[in-house]
Protein backbone atom coordinates (compact mmCIF):
# COMPACT_ATOMS: atom_id res chain seq x y z
CA MET A 1 -54.37 -49.23 -26.99
CA PRO A 2 -53.31 -52.87 -26.48
CA THR A 3 -55.20 -55.15 -24.09
CA SER A 4 -54.24 -54.46 -20.48
CA THR A 5 -54.54 -56.50 -17.29
CA PHE A 6 -55.11 -54.85 -13.93
CA ARG A 7 -53.59 -56.63 -10.92
CA MET A 8 -54.28 -55.95 -7.26
CA PRO A 9 -54.10 -57.78 -3.93
CA GLY A 10 -56.76 -60.34 -3.12
CA SER A 11 -58.02 -58.02 -0.40
CA PHE A 12 -56.99 -54.61 0.89
CA VAL A 13 -57.40 -53.68 4.55
CA PHE A 14 -56.71 -50.04 5.46
CA GLY A 15 -57.14 -48.07 8.64
CA VAL A 16 -55.69 -46.87 11.92
CA GLY A 17 -55.53 -49.94 14.17
CA ALA A 18 -55.83 -52.39 11.25
CA LEU A 19 -52.88 -54.39 12.60
CA GLU A 20 -55.17 -55.86 15.25
CA SER A 21 -57.17 -57.57 12.46
CA LEU A 22 -54.08 -59.27 10.99
CA GLY A 23 -55.03 -62.67 12.41
CA GLU A 24 -58.59 -62.47 11.10
CA ALA A 25 -57.33 -61.43 7.66
CA THR A 26 -54.68 -64.18 7.55
CA ARG A 27 -56.60 -67.12 8.99
CA PRO A 28 -58.39 -68.08 5.73
CA LEU A 29 -54.98 -68.50 4.08
CA GLY A 30 -53.49 -71.07 6.44
CA ALA A 31 -52.92 -72.28 10.00
CA ARG A 32 -49.12 -71.87 10.06
CA ALA A 33 -47.43 -68.55 9.36
CA VAL A 34 -43.94 -67.10 9.38
CA VAL A 35 -43.57 -63.36 9.99
CA VAL A 36 -40.74 -62.04 7.79
CA THR A 37 -39.21 -58.83 9.11
CA GLY A 38 -36.04 -56.87 9.89
CA ARG A 39 -33.66 -57.38 12.75
CA SER A 40 -34.58 -54.76 15.35
CA ALA A 41 -36.57 -51.59 14.67
CA LEU A 42 -40.10 -53.00 14.63
CA ALA A 43 -39.33 -55.41 17.45
CA GLU A 44 -38.08 -52.55 19.60
CA ALA A 45 -41.23 -50.57 18.80
CA GLY A 46 -43.36 -53.53 19.87
CA ILE A 47 -44.93 -53.89 16.44
CA THR A 48 -43.52 -57.34 15.68
CA GLY A 49 -44.87 -58.61 18.97
CA ARG A 50 -48.31 -57.14 18.26
CA ALA A 51 -48.38 -58.80 14.85
CA VAL A 52 -47.39 -62.18 16.29
CA ASP A 53 -49.98 -61.85 19.06
CA ALA A 54 -52.71 -61.01 16.53
CA LEU A 55 -51.86 -64.10 14.50
CA ARG A 56 -51.65 -66.44 17.49
CA GLU A 57 -54.90 -65.13 18.96
CA ALA A 58 -56.53 -66.16 15.68
CA GLY A 59 -55.25 -69.71 16.20
CA ILE A 60 -52.38 -69.41 13.73
CA GLU A 61 -49.13 -71.16 14.66
CA THR A 62 -46.55 -68.41 14.16
CA ALA A 63 -42.77 -68.18 13.87
CA VAL A 64 -40.53 -65.20 13.06
CA PHE A 65 -37.76 -64.82 10.48
CA ASP A 66 -36.08 -61.52 11.44
CA GLU A 67 -32.95 -61.56 9.29
CA VAL A 68 -33.97 -59.18 6.49
CA GLU A 69 -31.39 -56.47 5.83
CA PRO A 70 -31.77 -53.29 3.76
CA GLU A 71 -31.46 -54.06 0.03
CA PRO A 72 -31.84 -57.81 0.74
CA ASP A 73 -29.61 -60.35 -0.96
CA VAL A 74 -30.61 -63.52 -2.83
CA THR A 75 -29.02 -65.55 -0.01
CA THR A 76 -31.38 -63.93 2.51
CA VAL A 77 -34.32 -65.13 0.43
CA ASP A 78 -32.81 -68.63 0.37
CA ARG A 79 -32.56 -68.65 4.18
CA CYS A 80 -36.14 -67.45 4.47
CA ARG A 81 -37.34 -70.16 2.07
CA GLU A 82 -35.65 -72.78 4.23
CA VAL A 83 -37.37 -71.47 7.38
CA LEU A 84 -40.73 -71.54 5.59
CA ARG A 85 -40.13 -75.17 4.67
CA GLN A 86 -38.93 -76.18 8.13
CA ARG A 87 -42.00 -74.63 9.72
CA GLY A 88 -44.38 -76.08 7.19
CA ALA A 89 -45.62 -72.56 6.55
CA GLU A 90 -48.88 -72.08 4.74
CA VAL A 91 -48.55 -68.29 4.55
CA ALA A 92 -45.73 -65.73 4.81
CA VAL A 93 -46.39 -62.36 6.44
CA GLY A 94 -44.05 -59.58 5.28
CA LEU A 95 -43.89 -56.96 8.05
CA GLY A 96 -41.75 -53.86 7.53
CA GLY A 97 -40.46 -51.74 4.69
CA GLY A 98 -40.09 -52.84 1.11
CA SER A 99 -37.16 -55.12 1.94
CA ALA A 100 -39.14 -57.27 4.37
CA MET A 101 -42.21 -57.43 2.17
CA ASP A 102 -40.15 -58.27 -0.92
CA VAL A 103 -38.30 -61.12 0.84
CA ALA A 104 -41.60 -62.50 2.13
CA LYS A 105 -43.21 -62.30 -1.31
CA VAL A 106 -40.33 -63.94 -3.17
CA ALA A 107 -39.66 -66.59 -0.52
CA ALA A 108 -43.36 -67.52 -0.47
CA GLY A 109 -43.51 -67.66 -4.25
CA LEU A 110 -40.39 -69.85 -4.46
CA MET A 111 -41.08 -72.08 -1.46
CA HIS A 112 -41.64 -75.22 -3.53
CA GLU A 113 -38.96 -74.54 -6.14
CA ASP A 114 -35.71 -76.54 -5.96
CA ARG A 115 -33.37 -74.05 -7.58
CA PRO A 116 -31.74 -71.25 -5.57
CA THR A 117 -33.17 -67.75 -5.66
CA ARG A 118 -30.29 -66.59 -7.87
CA ALA A 119 -31.67 -68.66 -10.76
CA PHE A 120 -34.96 -66.75 -10.68
CA HIS A 121 -33.12 -63.48 -10.15
CA GLU A 122 -31.36 -64.23 -13.44
CA GLY A 123 -34.61 -64.83 -15.29
CA ALA A 124 -35.87 -68.36 -14.62
CA GLU A 125 -39.66 -68.60 -14.48
CA ILE A 126 -41.56 -69.80 -11.43
CA ALA A 127 -43.11 -73.14 -12.38
CA ARG A 128 -44.42 -74.52 -9.07
CA PRO A 129 -47.12 -72.75 -7.05
CA GLY A 130 -45.82 -71.32 -3.81
CA ILE A 131 -47.77 -70.19 -0.77
CA PRO A 132 -49.71 -66.94 -0.32
CA ASN A 133 -48.21 -63.88 1.29
CA VAL A 134 -49.64 -61.08 3.40
CA ALA A 135 -47.98 -57.65 3.24
CA VAL A 136 -47.98 -55.21 6.16
CA PRO A 137 -45.92 -52.05 5.42
CA SER A 138 -44.25 -50.07 8.20
CA THR A 139 -43.26 -47.24 5.86
CA SER A 140 -45.10 -45.20 3.27
CA GLY A 141 -42.78 -45.64 0.35
CA THR A 142 -42.26 -48.74 -1.73
CA GLY A 143 -45.89 -49.72 -2.31
CA SER A 144 -44.68 -53.35 -2.30
CA GLU A 145 -47.88 -54.38 -0.56
CA MET A 146 -49.66 -53.83 -3.89
CA THR A 147 -47.21 -55.20 -6.46
CA ASN A 148 -46.35 -58.45 -8.24
CA ASN A 149 -42.59 -58.18 -7.81
CA GLY A 150 -39.84 -58.30 -5.23
CA VAL A 151 -36.67 -56.23 -5.60
CA ILE A 152 -33.65 -58.31 -4.60
CA SER A 153 -29.88 -57.77 -4.82
CA ASP A 154 -27.12 -60.17 -5.72
CA ARG A 155 -24.12 -58.67 -3.97
CA ALA A 156 -21.73 -61.32 -5.25
CA LYS A 157 -22.51 -60.23 -8.81
CA GLY A 158 -23.15 -56.54 -8.06
CA TYR A 159 -26.64 -56.71 -9.48
CA LYS A 160 -30.10 -55.63 -8.31
CA ALA A 161 -33.33 -56.55 -10.07
CA SER A 162 -36.93 -57.58 -9.60
CA ILE A 163 -38.25 -61.11 -9.48
CA ARG A 164 -41.69 -60.74 -11.01
CA ASP A 165 -44.63 -63.12 -11.14
CA ALA A 166 -48.39 -62.82 -10.76
CA SER A 167 -48.22 -65.24 -7.82
CA LEU A 168 -46.24 -62.68 -5.78
CA VAL A 169 -49.16 -60.25 -5.53
CA PRO A 170 -50.15 -60.30 -1.83
CA ALA A 171 -53.27 -62.26 -0.96
CA VAL A 172 -53.87 -59.56 1.65
CA ALA A 173 -52.40 -56.05 1.86
CA LEU A 174 -52.94 -54.63 5.34
CA VAL A 175 -52.04 -50.97 5.77
CA ASP A 176 -52.15 -49.41 9.24
CA PRO A 177 -50.94 -45.77 9.21
CA GLN A 178 -50.37 -45.99 12.96
CA ILE A 179 -47.47 -48.40 12.38
CA THR A 180 -45.66 -45.84 10.24
CA ARG A 181 -45.37 -43.44 13.19
CA SER A 182 -42.37 -45.52 14.30
CA CYS A 183 -40.57 -44.56 11.07
CA PRO A 184 -37.70 -42.07 11.75
CA PRO A 185 -37.61 -38.71 9.91
CA GLN A 186 -34.91 -39.55 7.37
CA VAL A 187 -36.57 -42.83 6.40
CA THR A 188 -39.92 -41.04 6.25
CA ALA A 189 -38.40 -38.50 3.87
CA MET A 190 -36.72 -40.99 1.57
CA SER A 191 -39.63 -43.42 1.46
CA GLY A 192 -42.16 -40.63 0.94
CA VAL A 193 -40.19 -39.12 -1.93
CA ASP A 194 -39.79 -42.60 -3.45
CA ALA A 195 -43.57 -43.06 -3.34
CA LEU A 196 -44.08 -39.72 -5.06
CA VAL A 197 -41.56 -40.65 -7.76
CA GLN A 198 -43.48 -43.89 -8.29
CA ALA A 199 -46.77 -42.02 -8.62
CA ILE A 200 -45.31 -39.57 -11.14
CA GLU A 201 -43.41 -42.16 -13.18
CA SER A 202 -46.40 -44.50 -13.41
CA TYR A 203 -48.57 -41.56 -14.49
CA LEU A 204 -46.10 -40.68 -17.25
CA SER A 205 -45.42 -44.30 -18.26
CA ARG A 206 -46.06 -45.31 -21.84
CA HIS A 207 -48.06 -48.26 -20.43
CA ALA A 208 -50.41 -46.03 -18.44
CA THR A 209 -54.14 -46.51 -18.86
CA PRO A 210 -57.02 -44.24 -17.80
CA MET A 211 -57.37 -46.36 -14.65
CA THR A 212 -53.69 -46.24 -13.66
CA GLU A 213 -53.48 -42.53 -14.49
CA ALA A 214 -56.38 -41.76 -12.17
CA ILE A 215 -54.84 -43.79 -9.34
CA ALA A 216 -51.37 -42.32 -9.89
CA LEU A 217 -52.66 -38.74 -9.84
CA ARG A 218 -54.60 -39.30 -6.63
CA ALA A 219 -51.50 -40.93 -5.15
CA ALA A 220 -49.43 -37.86 -6.05
CA GLU A 221 -52.10 -35.61 -4.57
CA GLU A 222 -52.12 -37.47 -1.23
CA LEU A 223 -48.32 -37.57 -1.05
CA ALA A 224 -48.01 -33.87 -1.92
CA LYS A 225 -50.50 -33.22 0.89
CA ALA A 226 -48.32 -35.10 3.38
CA LEU A 227 -44.84 -34.07 2.22
CA PRO A 228 -42.72 -32.50 3.55
CA ALA A 229 -44.72 -31.93 6.78
CA VAL A 230 -44.83 -35.60 7.77
CA VAL A 231 -41.03 -35.68 7.97
CA THR A 232 -41.01 -33.41 11.04
CA ARG A 233 -44.52 -34.19 12.31
CA GLY A 234 -44.24 -37.94 12.24
CA GLN A 235 -46.78 -38.55 15.00
CA ASP A 236 -49.53 -36.71 13.08
CA LEU A 237 -51.94 -39.49 12.09
CA GLU A 238 -53.68 -37.36 9.48
CA LEU A 239 -50.40 -36.83 7.65
CA ARG A 240 -49.38 -40.46 8.11
CA THR A 241 -52.74 -41.57 6.72
CA ALA A 242 -52.39 -39.37 3.63
CA ALA A 243 -48.88 -40.73 3.03
CA ALA A 244 -50.07 -44.33 3.49
CA TRP A 245 -52.90 -43.86 1.00
CA GLY A 246 -50.50 -42.25 -1.46
CA SER A 247 -47.92 -45.00 -1.13
CA ALA A 248 -50.46 -47.80 -1.57
CA MET A 249 -52.04 -46.17 -4.61
CA ALA A 250 -48.64 -45.45 -6.17
CA GLY A 251 -47.78 -49.12 -5.70
CA LEU A 252 -51.01 -50.16 -7.39
CA ALA A 253 -50.37 -47.79 -10.29
CA LEU A 254 -46.77 -48.91 -10.85
CA SER A 255 -47.70 -52.58 -10.60
CA ASN A 256 -49.95 -52.12 -13.61
CA ALA A 257 -48.26 -49.33 -15.59
CA ARG A 258 -44.56 -49.79 -14.70
CA LEU A 259 -42.25 -46.85 -14.01
CA GLY A 260 -39.57 -44.96 -15.91
CA VAL A 261 -35.93 -44.02 -16.29
CA VAL A 262 -35.53 -42.94 -12.65
CA HIS A 263 -36.11 -46.47 -11.43
CA GLY A 264 -34.17 -47.89 -14.35
CA MET A 265 -31.13 -45.95 -13.16
CA ALA A 266 -31.77 -46.32 -9.42
CA HIS A 267 -30.95 -50.01 -9.23
CA PRO A 268 -27.45 -49.96 -10.82
CA ILE A 269 -26.55 -46.76 -8.95
CA GLY A 270 -27.83 -48.06 -5.63
CA VAL A 271 -26.05 -51.39 -5.75
CA ARG A 272 -22.71 -49.85 -6.85
CA TYR A 273 -22.55 -46.94 -4.45
CA HIS A 274 -24.82 -48.10 -1.62
CA VAL A 275 -27.20 -45.20 -2.04
CA PRO A 276 -30.56 -45.68 -0.29
CA HIS A 277 -33.19 -46.39 -2.94
CA GLY A 278 -35.56 -43.58 -2.03
CA LEU A 279 -32.73 -41.08 -1.97
CA VAL A 280 -31.38 -41.93 -5.41
CA CYS A 281 -34.89 -41.83 -6.87
CA GLY A 282 -35.56 -38.42 -5.36
CA VAL A 283 -32.27 -36.95 -6.57
CA LEU A 284 -32.84 -38.25 -10.09
CA LEU A 285 -36.42 -37.00 -10.32
CA PRO A 286 -35.85 -33.33 -11.31
CA ALA A 287 -33.45 -34.19 -14.14
CA ALA A 288 -35.67 -37.02 -15.37
CA LEU A 289 -38.75 -34.77 -15.35
CA ALA A 290 -36.93 -32.16 -17.45
CA PHE A 291 -35.84 -34.92 -19.84
CA ASN A 292 -39.35 -36.34 -20.18
CA ARG A 293 -41.27 -33.08 -20.50
CA PRO A 294 -41.20 -32.98 -24.34
CA ALA A 295 -42.74 -36.47 -24.52
CA ALA A 296 -45.85 -35.67 -22.47
CA PRO A 297 -46.57 -31.91 -22.40
CA HIS A 298 -50.27 -32.35 -21.62
CA LYS A 299 -49.48 -34.56 -18.63
CA PHE A 300 -46.99 -32.01 -17.37
CA GLU A 301 -49.75 -29.40 -17.48
CA THR A 302 -51.85 -31.67 -15.27
CA LEU A 303 -48.94 -32.19 -12.86
CA HIS A 304 -48.33 -28.42 -12.80
CA GLY A 305 -51.87 -27.87 -11.58
CA LEU A 306 -51.79 -30.71 -9.06
CA LEU A 307 -48.41 -29.78 -7.56
CA GLY A 308 -49.03 -26.04 -7.62
CA GLY A 309 -46.09 -25.21 -9.85
CA ASP A 310 -43.61 -26.45 -12.42
CA PRO A 311 -42.97 -30.15 -11.66
CA VAL A 312 -39.19 -29.81 -11.99
CA GLY A 313 -39.02 -26.88 -9.60
CA TYR A 314 -41.44 -28.61 -7.24
CA ALA A 315 -39.25 -31.74 -7.14
CA GLN A 316 -36.12 -29.70 -6.37
CA ALA A 317 -37.85 -27.71 -3.63
CA LEU A 318 -39.28 -30.88 -2.09
CA LEU A 319 -35.83 -32.44 -1.75
CA VAL A 320 -34.59 -29.38 0.09
CA ALA A 321 -37.67 -29.21 2.31
CA CYS A 322 -37.28 -32.89 3.21
CA GLY A 323 -33.59 -32.42 4.11
CA LEU A 324 -32.38 -34.47 1.16
CA PRO A 325 -29.50 -33.52 -1.16
CA LEU A 326 -29.89 -32.31 -4.74
CA ARG A 327 -26.83 -34.27 -5.86
CA LEU A 328 -25.18 -37.61 -5.10
CA THR A 329 -21.79 -35.98 -4.59
CA GLU A 330 -20.97 -37.70 -1.30
CA TYR A 331 -21.54 -41.17 -2.75
CA GLY A 332 -18.60 -40.95 -5.14
CA LEU A 333 -20.17 -41.54 -8.54
CA ALA A 334 -17.35 -42.35 -10.97
CA ARG A 335 -17.45 -41.58 -14.68
CA ALA A 336 -15.59 -44.83 -15.28
CA ASP A 337 -18.81 -46.64 -14.26
CA PHE A 338 -21.19 -44.58 -16.39
CA ALA A 339 -21.09 -46.83 -19.47
CA ALA A 340 -21.90 -49.93 -17.39
CA ILE A 341 -24.68 -48.09 -15.53
CA ALA A 342 -26.11 -46.97 -18.85
CA ASP A 343 -26.08 -50.53 -20.22
CA GLU A 344 -27.93 -51.85 -17.17
CA THR A 345 -30.37 -48.94 -17.25
CA LEU A 346 -31.31 -49.63 -20.86
CA GLU A 347 -32.06 -53.28 -20.04
CA SER A 348 -34.49 -52.33 -17.28
CA GLY A 349 -38.21 -52.81 -17.80
CA SER A 350 -38.71 -49.49 -16.02
CA THR A 351 -36.61 -47.67 -18.60
CA LYS A 352 -38.51 -49.36 -21.41
CA ALA A 353 -41.73 -47.93 -19.96
CA ASN A 354 -40.35 -44.38 -19.93
CA PRO A 355 -42.48 -41.98 -22.01
CA ARG A 356 -39.45 -40.81 -23.97
CA ASP A 357 -36.99 -43.18 -25.64
CA VAL A 358 -33.73 -43.37 -23.68
CA THR A 359 -30.24 -43.84 -25.12
CA GLY A 360 -26.98 -44.58 -23.40
CA ASP A 361 -25.90 -40.98 -23.96
CA ASP A 362 -29.11 -39.80 -22.28
CA VAL A 363 -28.32 -41.88 -19.20
CA VAL A 364 -24.79 -40.48 -19.03
CA GLY A 365 -26.19 -36.97 -19.33
CA LEU A 366 -28.57 -37.58 -16.42
CA LEU A 367 -25.72 -39.02 -14.36
CA GLU A 368 -23.63 -35.93 -15.02
CA GLN A 369 -26.45 -33.76 -13.69
CA VAL A 370 -26.67 -35.57 -10.34
CA MET A 371 -22.94 -36.22 -9.92
């Protein structure tokens, strides 16, 4: 086994009510903060206000950038970077789902760079140290609070990819399961299934280590405990806590082991057809599991025991139980796009970590199954 490096946030704060300690956790990082979040949902739930109050009560001068959209664009990151500069920010606080946390992470990491975000989206390396970021998830799904990358889209070029750098790992990851109770059922379903896909793919990854495998399996166990019940019982803190643990651990596992062909395909499909990320990952999971089974039969035996049945059948049943489709029929997948999707999939680092080698024909075959 080659030498491996294990990355994790500088500190990890977890617990019901942990949001109230946001100021205390952030204060050592700087005296001026910008909260990076979405446009309305968390504000309407009062969570943005609580976060700002916690920071200000700790003596931190705080502003809010609330322009993050789903599947955020490189131009959104540029606007956020400008706000960070104008405010003289010493720390960025990403509050929300993966989109908000990813914008905060990338904007903080690029704060002192001159080139636009698009340059780094296209592969330029970060040369100048940025500022630290704090990640506070409002969903149990992306695990972005634990990772060294931010997933950003470039709508002008029809492209979605990660900007990855060790400096993007949050200085503090603060997970409060109570916040996730504001998450609506459909988002709970899609984000929860996405987290489970991340746990399974990182477990199967060819870069997995004994440490990441242990974390990924426990993540899958916690998520299987919560799903699908948490979708309809969203106020149940025990379920929300299990999902939050599972999501955070899946994020930690994927940050160190990478993922697989599901996530390699999810980005080009999502950006072309505007399919929510968690949904496309969930729909692809059964077909990808069947494809990967020959490459890791012993791991599939372990998953069989953990999930209480054949992993492929379990994944299909979970989609139905969560009210999610088994196919992407309504999104209008076109065979004319399959070759381009396959090319982009094969370039993905996620696909390269898949336990079984993937060809363009394999990608087309998987697309046909979910069409």
